[in-house]
C-alpha atoms as a PDB file:
ATOM      1  CA  MET A   1      19.386 -56.781 174.677  1.00  0.00           C
ATOM      2  CA  THR A   2      20.604 -60.020 173.141  1.00  0.00           C
ATOM      3  CA  ASN A   3      22.040 -60.178 169.633  1.00  0.00           C
ATOM      4  CA  LYS A   4      19.025 -62.161 168.449  1.00  0.00           C
ATOM      5  CA  ASN A   5      16.621 -59.516 169.772  1.00  0.00           C
ATOM      6  CA  LYS A   6      18.673 -56.788 168.122  1.00  0.00           C
ATOM      7  CA  GLU A   7      18.636 -58.631 164.805  1.00  0.00           C
ATOM      8  CA  ALA A   8      14.880 -59.125 165.068  1.00  0.00           C
ATOM      9  CA  LEU A   9      14.392 -55.383 165.577  1.00  0.00           C
ATOM     10  CA  GLU A  10      16.638 -54.593 162.625  1.00  0.00           C
ATOM     11  CA  LEU A  11      14.627 -56.912 160.383  1.00  0.00           C
ATOM     12  CA  GLU A  12      11.358 -55.451 161.647  1.00  0.00           C
ATOM     13  CA  GLN A  13      12.680 -52.058 160.590  1.00  0.00           C
ATOM     14  CA  LEU A  14      12.851 -53.345 157.019  1.00  0.00           C
ATOM     15  CA  PHE A  15       9.167 -54.284 157.144  1.00  0.00           C
ATOM     16  CA  GLN A  16       8.330 -50.850 158.508  1.00  0.00           C
ATOM     17  CA  ASN A  17      10.347 -49.251 155.712  1.00  0.00           C
ATOM     18  CA  ASN A  18       8.450 -51.380 153.214  1.00  0.00           C
ATOM     19  CA  ARG A  19       5.061 -50.323 154.555  1.00  0.00           C
ATOM     20  CA  ARG A  20       6.018 -46.649 154.418  1.00  0.00           C
ATOM     21  CA  TRP A  21       7.267 -47.057 150.860  1.00  0.00           C
ATOM     22  CA  ALA A  22       4.089 -48.847 149.752  1.00  0.00           C
ATOM     23  CA  GLU A  23       1.952 -46.146 151.372  1.00  0.00           C
ATOM     24  CA  SER A  24       3.940 -43.386 149.671  1.00  0.00           C
ATOM     25  CA  MET A  25       3.496 -45.029 146.261  1.00  0.00           C
ATOM     26  CA  LEU A  26      -0.261 -45.351 146.799  1.00  0.00           C
ATOM     27  CA  ALA A  27      -0.432 -41.738 147.932  1.00  0.00           C
ATOM     28  CA  GLU A  28       0.972 -40.701 144.547  1.00  0.00           C
ATOM     29  CA  ASP A  29      -1.117 -43.173 142.532  1.00  0.00           C
ATOM     30  CA  LYS A  30      -3.795 -45.303 144.173  1.00  0.00           C
ATOM     31  CA  ASN A  31      -3.664 -47.736 141.237  1.00  0.00           C
ATOM     32  CA  PHE A  32       0.127 -48.041 141.192  1.00  0.00           C
ATOM     33  CA  PHE A  33       0.377 -51.651 142.372  1.00  0.00           C
ATOM     34  CA  ALA A  34      -2.682 -52.759 140.407  1.00  0.00           C
ATOM     35  CA  LYS A  35      -1.102 -51.471 137.208  1.00  0.00           C
ATOM     36  CA  LEU A  36       2.284 -52.909 138.160  1.00  0.00           C
ATOM     37  CA  ALA A  37       0.814 -56.355 138.771  1.00  0.00           C
ATOM     38  CA  ALA A  38      -1.100 -56.294 135.494  1.00  0.00           C
ATOM     39  CA  GLN A  39       1.913 -56.075 133.219  1.00  0.00           C
ATOM     40  CA  GLN A  40       5.678 -55.833 132.956  1.00  0.00           C
ATOM     41  CA  SER A  41       6.877 -53.908 129.914  1.00  0.00           C
ATOM     42  CA  PRO A  42      10.356 -52.480 130.497  1.00  0.00           C
ATOM     43  CA  GLU A  43      12.341 -51.137 127.572  1.00  0.00           C
ATOM     44  CA  TYR A  44      15.673 -51.681 129.303  1.00  0.00           C
ATOM     45  CA  LEU A  45      17.707 -54.602 130.590  1.00  0.00           C
ATOM     46  CA  TRP A  46      20.375 -53.566 133.091  1.00  0.00           C
ATOM     47  CA  ILE A  47      23.343 -55.910 133.580  1.00  0.00           C
ATOM     48  CA  GLY A  48      25.260 -54.507 136.516  1.00  0.00           C
ATOM     49  CA  CYS A  49      27.364 -55.256 139.550  1.00  0.00           C
ATOM     50  CA  SER A  50      25.884 -56.689 142.743  1.00  0.00           C
ATOM     51  CA  ASP A  51      27.529 -53.891 144.745  1.00  0.00           C
ATOM     52  CA  SER A  52      24.949 -52.481 147.175  1.00  0.00           C
ATOM     53  CA  ARG A  53      26.102 -48.937 146.366  1.00  0.00           C
ATOM     54  CA  VAL A  54      24.850 -49.223 142.774  1.00  0.00           C
ATOM     55  CA  PRO A  55      21.026 -49.489 142.948  1.00  0.00           C
ATOM     56  CA  ALA A  56      19.984 -49.795 139.317  1.00  0.00           C
ATOM     57  CA  ASN A  57      16.464 -48.320 139.427  1.00  0.00           C
ATOM     58  CA  GLU A  58      17.418 -45.430 141.670  1.00  0.00           C
ATOM     59  CA  ILE A  59      20.411 -44.108 139.777  1.00  0.00           C
ATOM     60  CA  VAL A  60      18.407 -43.842 136.551  1.00  0.00           C
ATOM     61  CA  ASP A  61      15.254 -42.740 138.416  1.00  0.00           C
ATOM     62  CA  LEU A  62      12.978 -45.440 137.033  1.00  0.00           C
ATOM     63  CA  LEU A  63      10.047 -47.044 138.808  1.00  0.00           C
ATOM     64  CA  PRO A  64       9.567 -50.777 139.386  1.00  0.00           C
ATOM     65  CA  GLY A  65       8.469 -52.350 136.114  1.00  0.00           C
ATOM     66  CA  GLU A  66      10.501 -49.928 133.990  1.00  0.00           C
ATOM     67  CA  LEU A  67      13.883 -51.663 134.281  1.00  0.00           C
ATOM     68  CA  PHE A  68      14.630 -55.394 134.034  1.00  0.00           C
ATOM     69  CA  VAL A  69      17.742 -56.153 136.085  1.00  0.00           C
ATOM     70  CA  HIS A  70      20.471 -58.769 136.298  1.00  0.00           C
ATOM     71  CA  ARG A  71      23.361 -58.268 138.707  1.00  0.00           C
ATOM     72  CA  ASN A  72      26.461 -60.237 139.621  1.00  0.00           C
ATOM     73  CA  ILE A  73      29.937 -59.567 140.966  1.00  0.00           C
ATOM     74  CA  ALA A  74      31.804 -57.260 138.555  1.00  0.00           C
ATOM     75  CA  ASN A  75      28.969 -57.202 135.951  1.00  0.00           C
ATOM     76  CA  VAL A  76      30.295 -60.205 134.034  1.00  0.00           C
ATOM     77  CA  VAL A  77      28.565 -61.763 131.031  1.00  0.00           C
ATOM     78  CA  ALA A  78      29.942 -65.295 130.731  1.00  0.00           C
ATOM     79  CA  HIS A  79      28.767 -67.627 127.983  1.00  0.00           C
ATOM     80  CA  SER A  80      28.636 -70.464 130.509  1.00  0.00           C
ATOM     81  CA  ASP A  81      26.401 -68.529 132.930  1.00  0.00           C
ATOM     82  CA  LEU A  82      22.905 -69.853 132.257  1.00  0.00           C
ATOM     83  CA  ASN A  83      21.472 -67.461 134.847  1.00  0.00           C
ATOM     84  CA  CYS A  84      22.639 -64.384 132.941  1.00  0.00           C
ATOM     85  CA  LEU A  85      21.814 -65.891 129.548  1.00  0.00           C
ATOM     86  CA  SER A  86      18.314 -66.829 130.708  1.00  0.00           C
ATOM     87  CA  VAL A  87      17.684 -63.261 131.856  1.00  0.00           C
ATOM     88  CA  LEU A  88      19.023 -61.932 128.547  1.00  0.00           C
ATOM     89  CA  GLN A  89      16.866 -64.321 126.520  1.00  0.00           C
ATOM     90  CA  PHE A  90      13.726 -63.543 128.532  1.00  0.00           C
ATOM     91  CA  ALA A  91      14.347 -59.801 128.268  1.00  0.00           C
ATOM     92  CA  ILE A  92      14.855 -59.863 124.497  1.00  0.00           C
ATOM     93  CA  ASP A  93      12.526 -62.629 123.349  1.00  0.00           C
ATOM     94  CA  VAL A  94       9.646 -62.223 125.805  1.00  0.00           C
ATOM     95  CA  LEU A  95       9.764 -58.664 127.168  1.00  0.00           C
ATOM     96  CA  LYS A  96      11.087 -57.244 123.881  1.00  0.00           C
ATOM     97  CA  VAL A  97      13.441 -54.785 125.567  1.00  0.00           C
ATOM     98  CA  LYS A  98      15.031 -52.312 123.175  1.00  0.00           C
ATOM     99  CA  HIS A  99      18.186 -51.557 125.148  1.00  0.00           C
ATOM    100  CA  VAL A 100      20.653 -53.773 127.013  1.00  0.00           C
ATOM    101  CA  ILE A 101      22.852 -51.694 129.304  1.00  0.00           C
ATOM    102  CA  VAL A 102      26.046 -53.215 130.709  1.00  0.00           C
ATOM    103  CA  CYS A 103      26.990 -50.929 133.584  1.00  0.00           C
ATOM    104  CA  GLY A 104      30.136 -51.207 135.653  1.00  0.00           C
ATOM    105  CA  HIS A 105      31.272 -48.821 138.333  1.00  0.00           C
ATOM    106  CA  TYR A 106      34.476 -47.221 139.502  1.00  0.00           C
ATOM    107  CA  GLY A 107      35.713 -48.559 142.814  1.00  0.00           C
ATOM    108  CA  CYS A 108      34.522 -52.089 142.024  1.00  0.00           C
ATOM    109  CA  SER A 109      35.930 -54.462 144.647  1.00  0.00           C
ATOM    110  CA  GLY A 110      35.671 -57.432 142.318  1.00  0.00           C
ATOM    111  CA  VAL A 111      37.700 -55.712 139.616  1.00  0.00           C
ATOM    112  CA  HIS A 112      40.265 -54.627 142.222  1.00  0.00           C
ATOM    113  CA  ALA A 113      40.612 -58.192 143.503  1.00  0.00           C
ATOM    114  CA  ALA A 114      41.080 -59.466 139.950  1.00  0.00           C
ATOM    115  CA  MET A 115      43.685 -56.798 139.203  1.00  0.00           C
ATOM    116  CA  THR A 116      45.727 -57.334 142.346  1.00  0.00           C
ATOM    117  CA  GLY A 117      45.275 -61.093 142.710  1.00  0.00           C
ATOM    118  CA  ARG A 118      43.738 -60.665 146.168  1.00  0.00           C
ATOM    119  CA  ARG A 119      41.980 -63.844 147.273  1.00  0.00           C
ATOM    120  CA  VAL A 120      38.365 -63.410 148.366  1.00  0.00           C
ATOM    121  CA  GLY A 121      37.143 -67.008 148.422  1.00  0.00           C
ATOM    122  CA  LEU A 122      34.873 -68.921 146.064  1.00  0.00           C
ATOM    123  CA  ALA A 123      34.369 -65.744 144.031  1.00  0.00           C
ATOM    124  CA  ASP A 124      38.015 -66.015 142.908  1.00  0.00           C
ATOM    125  CA  ASN A 125      36.818 -68.527 140.325  1.00  0.00           C
ATOM    126  CA  TRP A 126      34.177 -66.108 139.029  1.00  0.00           C
ATOM    127  CA  LEU A 127      36.671 -63.251 138.905  1.00  0.00           C
ATOM    128  CA  ARG A 128      38.849 -65.260 136.539  1.00  0.00           C
ATOM    129  CA  HIS A 129      36.684 -63.684 133.850  1.00  0.00           C
ATOM    130  CA  VAL A 130      37.901 -60.226 134.885  1.00  0.00           C
ATOM    131  CA  GLN A 131      41.471 -61.464 135.152  1.00  0.00           C
ATOM    132  CA  ASP A 132      41.125 -62.656 131.566  1.00  0.00           C
ATOM    133  CA  VAL A 133      40.134 -59.109 130.590  1.00  0.00           C
ATOM    134  CA  HIS A 134      43.190 -57.805 132.435  1.00  0.00           C
ATOM    135  CA  GLN A 135      45.491 -60.194 130.624  1.00  0.00           C
ATOM    136  CA  LYS A 136      43.876 -59.652 127.230  1.00  0.00           C
ATOM    137  CA  HIS A 137      44.160 -55.879 127.441  1.00  0.00           C
ATOM    138  CA  GLY A 138      47.265 -55.651 129.597  1.00  0.00           C
ATOM    139  CA  ARG A 139      48.949 -53.353 127.104  1.00  0.00           C
ATOM    140  CA  TYR A 140      46.541 -50.612 128.182  1.00  0.00           C
ATOM    141  CA  MET A 141      47.450 -51.045 131.872  1.00  0.00           C
ATOM    142  CA  ARG A 142      50.782 -49.241 131.830  1.00  0.00           C
ATOM    143  CA  GLU A 143      52.868 -49.436 134.995  1.00  0.00           C
ATOM    144  CA  THR A 144      53.423 -45.686 134.752  1.00  0.00           C
ATOM    145  CA  LEU A 145      49.748 -45.129 135.468  1.00  0.00           C
ATOM    146  CA  PRO A 146      48.875 -44.519 139.131  1.00  0.00           C
ATOM    147  CA  THR A 147      47.246 -47.514 140.775  1.00  0.00           C
ATOM    148  CA  GLN A 148      43.854 -45.794 140.959  1.00  0.00           C
ATOM    149  CA  ALA A 149      43.996 -44.933 137.263  1.00  0.00           C
ATOM    150  CA  GLN A 150      44.832 -48.545 136.431  1.00  0.00           C
ATOM    151  CA  HIS A 151      41.864 -49.727 138.461  1.00  0.00           C
ATOM    152  CA  ASP A 152      39.522 -47.222 136.809  1.00  0.00           C
ATOM    153  CA  ARG A 153      40.768 -48.278 133.394  1.00  0.00           C
ATOM    154  CA  LEU A 154      40.209 -51.956 134.100  1.00  0.00           C
ATOM    155  CA  CYS A 155      36.653 -51.159 135.260  1.00  0.00           C
ATOM    156  CA  GLU A 156      36.068 -49.510 131.877  1.00  0.00           C
ATOM    157  CA  LEU A 157      37.773 -52.225 129.857  1.00  0.00           C
ATOM    158  CA  ASN A 158      35.742 -54.851 131.676  1.00  0.00           C
ATOM    159  CA  VAL A 159      32.502 -53.126 130.683  1.00  0.00           C
ATOM    160  CA  ILE A 160      33.537 -52.967 127.025  1.00  0.00           C
ATOM    161  CA  GLU A 161      34.561 -56.627 127.041  1.00  0.00           C
ATOM    162  CA  GLN A 162      31.236 -57.629 128.590  1.00  0.00           C
ATOM    163  CA  VAL A 163      29.401 -55.617 125.922  1.00  0.00           C
ATOM    164  CA  ALA A 164      31.336 -57.681 123.385  1.00  0.00           C
ATOM    165  CA  ASN A 165      30.240 -60.851 125.171  1.00  0.00           C
ATOM    166  CA  VAL A 166      26.595 -59.771 125.022  1.00  0.00           C
ATOM    167  CA  CYS A 167      26.908 -59.102 121.298  1.00  0.00           C
ATOM    168  CA  ARG A 168      28.445 -62.536 120.722  1.00  0.00           C
ATOM    169  CA  THR A 169      25.568 -64.436 122.326  1.00  0.00           C
ATOM    170  CA  THR A 170      23.272 -66.343 120.006  1.00  0.00           C
ATOM    171  CA  ILE A 171      20.385 -64.569 121.758  1.00  0.00           C
ATOM    172  CA  VAL A 172      21.407 -61.118 120.554  1.00  0.00           C
ATOM    173  CA  GLN A 173      22.664 -62.288 117.178  1.00  0.00           C
ATOM    174  CA  ASP A 174      19.398 -64.126 116.476  1.00  0.00           C
ATOM    175  CA  ALA A 175      17.435 -61.022 117.467  1.00  0.00           C
ATOM    176  CA  TRP A 176      19.445 -58.874 115.068  1.00  0.00           C
ATOM    177  CA  GLU A 177      19.084 -61.466 112.303  1.00  0.00           C
ATOM    178  CA  ARG A 178      15.299 -61.359 112.529  1.00  0.00           C
ATOM    179  CA  GLY A 179      15.376 -57.557 112.485  1.00  0.00           C
ATOM    180  CA  GLN A 180      14.521 -56.928 116.134  1.00  0.00           C
ATOM    181  CA  ASP A 181      15.442 -53.493 117.440  1.00  0.00           C
ATOM    182  CA  VAL A 182      17.999 -54.171 120.195  1.00  0.00           C
ATOM    183  CA  THR A 183      20.901 -51.887 121.102  1.00  0.00           C
ATOM    184  CA  ILE A 184      23.729 -52.817 123.475  1.00  0.00           C
ATOM    185  CA  HIS A 185      25.339 -50.063 125.553  1.00  0.00           C
ATOM    186  CA  GLY A 186      28.380 -49.813 127.825  1.00  0.00           C
ATOM    187  CA  TRP A 187      28.143 -47.397 130.767  1.00  0.00           C
ATOM    188  CA  ILE A 188      30.034 -46.810 133.982  1.00  0.00           C
ATOM    189  CA  TYR A 189      28.888 -45.297 137.280  1.00  0.00           C
ATOM    190  CA  GLY A 190      30.868 -43.083 139.622  1.00  0.00           C
ATOM    191  CA  LEU A 191      30.432 -43.832 143.304  1.00  0.00           C
ATOM    192  CA  LYS A 192      31.939 -40.469 144.257  1.00  0.00           C
ATOM    193  CA  ASP A 193      29.550 -38.295 142.281  1.00  0.00           C
ATOM    194  CA  GLY A 194      26.595 -40.563 141.464  1.00  0.00           C
ATOM    195  CA  LEU A 195      26.921 -39.895 137.748  1.00  0.00           C
ATOM    196  CA  LEU A 196      26.767 -42.286 134.801  1.00  0.00           C
ATOM    197  CA  SER A 197      29.195 -42.021 131.889  1.00  0.00           C
ATOM    198  CA  ASP A 198      28.733 -43.456 128.413  1.00  0.00           C
ATOM    199  CA  LEU A 199      31.830 -45.404 127.316  1.00  0.00           C
ATOM    200  CA  ASN A 200      30.856 -44.839 123.688  1.00  0.00           C
ATOM    201  CA  VAL A 201      30.397 -48.503 122.889  1.00  0.00           C
ATOM    202  CA  THR A 202      26.866 -48.643 121.474  1.00  0.00           C
ATOM    203  CA  ILE A 203      26.100 -51.502 119.106  1.00  0.00           C
ATOM    204  CA  ASP A 204      22.821 -52.113 117.299  1.00  0.00           C
ATOM    205  CA  CYS A 205      23.684 -54.670 114.608  1.00  0.00           C
ATOM    206  CA  LEU A 206      26.076 -57.524 113.972  1.00  0.00           C
ATOM    207  CA  ASP A 207      27.702 -55.912 110.948  1.00  0.00           C
ATOM    208  CA  SER A 208      29.063 -52.968 112.931  1.00  0.00           C
ATOM    209  CA  ALA A 209      29.880 -54.801 116.170  1.00  0.00           C
ATOM    210  CA  ASP A 210      33.532 -55.649 115.516  1.00  0.00           C
ATOM    211  CA  GLU A 211      34.361 -52.210 114.125  1.00  0.00           C
ATOM    212  CA  LYS A 212      32.722 -50.357 117.019  1.00  0.00           C
ATOM    213  CA  LEU A 213      34.435 -52.562 119.606  1.00  0.00           C
ATOM    214  CA  LYS A 214      37.770 -52.018 117.899  1.00  0.00           C
ATOM    215  CA  HIS A 215      37.179 -48.267 117.975  1.00  0.00           C
ATOM    216  CA  SER A 216      36.284 -48.399 121.682  1.00  0.00           C
ATOM    217  CA  PHE A 217      39.551 -50.075 122.584  1.00  0.00           C
ATOM    218  CA  ALA A 218      41.506 -47.830 120.198  1.00  0.00           C
ATOM    219  CA  ARG A 219      40.980 -44.794 122.394  1.00  0.00           C
ATOM    220  CA  TYR A 220      43.110 -46.434 125.069  1.00  0.00           C
ATOM    221  CA  GLU A 221      45.898 -46.856 122.553  1.00  0.00           C
ATOM    222  CA  GLN A 222      45.684 -43.161 121.757  1.00  0.00           C
ATOM    223  CA  SER A 223      45.986 -42.300 125.436  1.00  0.00           C
ATOM    224  CA  GLU A 224      49.216 -44.225 125.864  1.00  0.00           C
END
């Protein structure tokens, strides 16, 4: 069998998987796709990592249509990223989501590359954002910490910093100013156990944002 024939069979398997999935959804609810096509009304926007081991809908057990998703390498929210900002604006202004969840994960290859300076290619430029987090909060990355603990800590710090970036967007600040109910959360996912953890950085108004972010970083000072 040639490589091209093998690849064709592998792709055909995806179509077969799709048909089985569609049939299983219809078996549970014959109107599932009709209802799904009629409207999209998620209450949550998920900003997560592109890592294939972190499937957003599955790990929170939500169906299609219940979670609006944006993913990129290392779950970064950059003020120059019109892709991310457009998703955020659409989610808040059009879909009226009530919760924006920034979710990182332990074992993130992008965070590891940023921490160690390992070159990966064009993405090095994107990961400068994570390197900035590393430099900004370097005092929490003590050399006495084991390497794995340093990596885990940077994954957490990166989530908190990206929550701060979400809160600083004009999109979120305008929503809060007009009284819209929007809460920003920072979570992290464990690849080894499949469990989510709340990093206790939950912000629902501009007035409390700075104080809550300060408190979130303070716990790392206490652990030193």
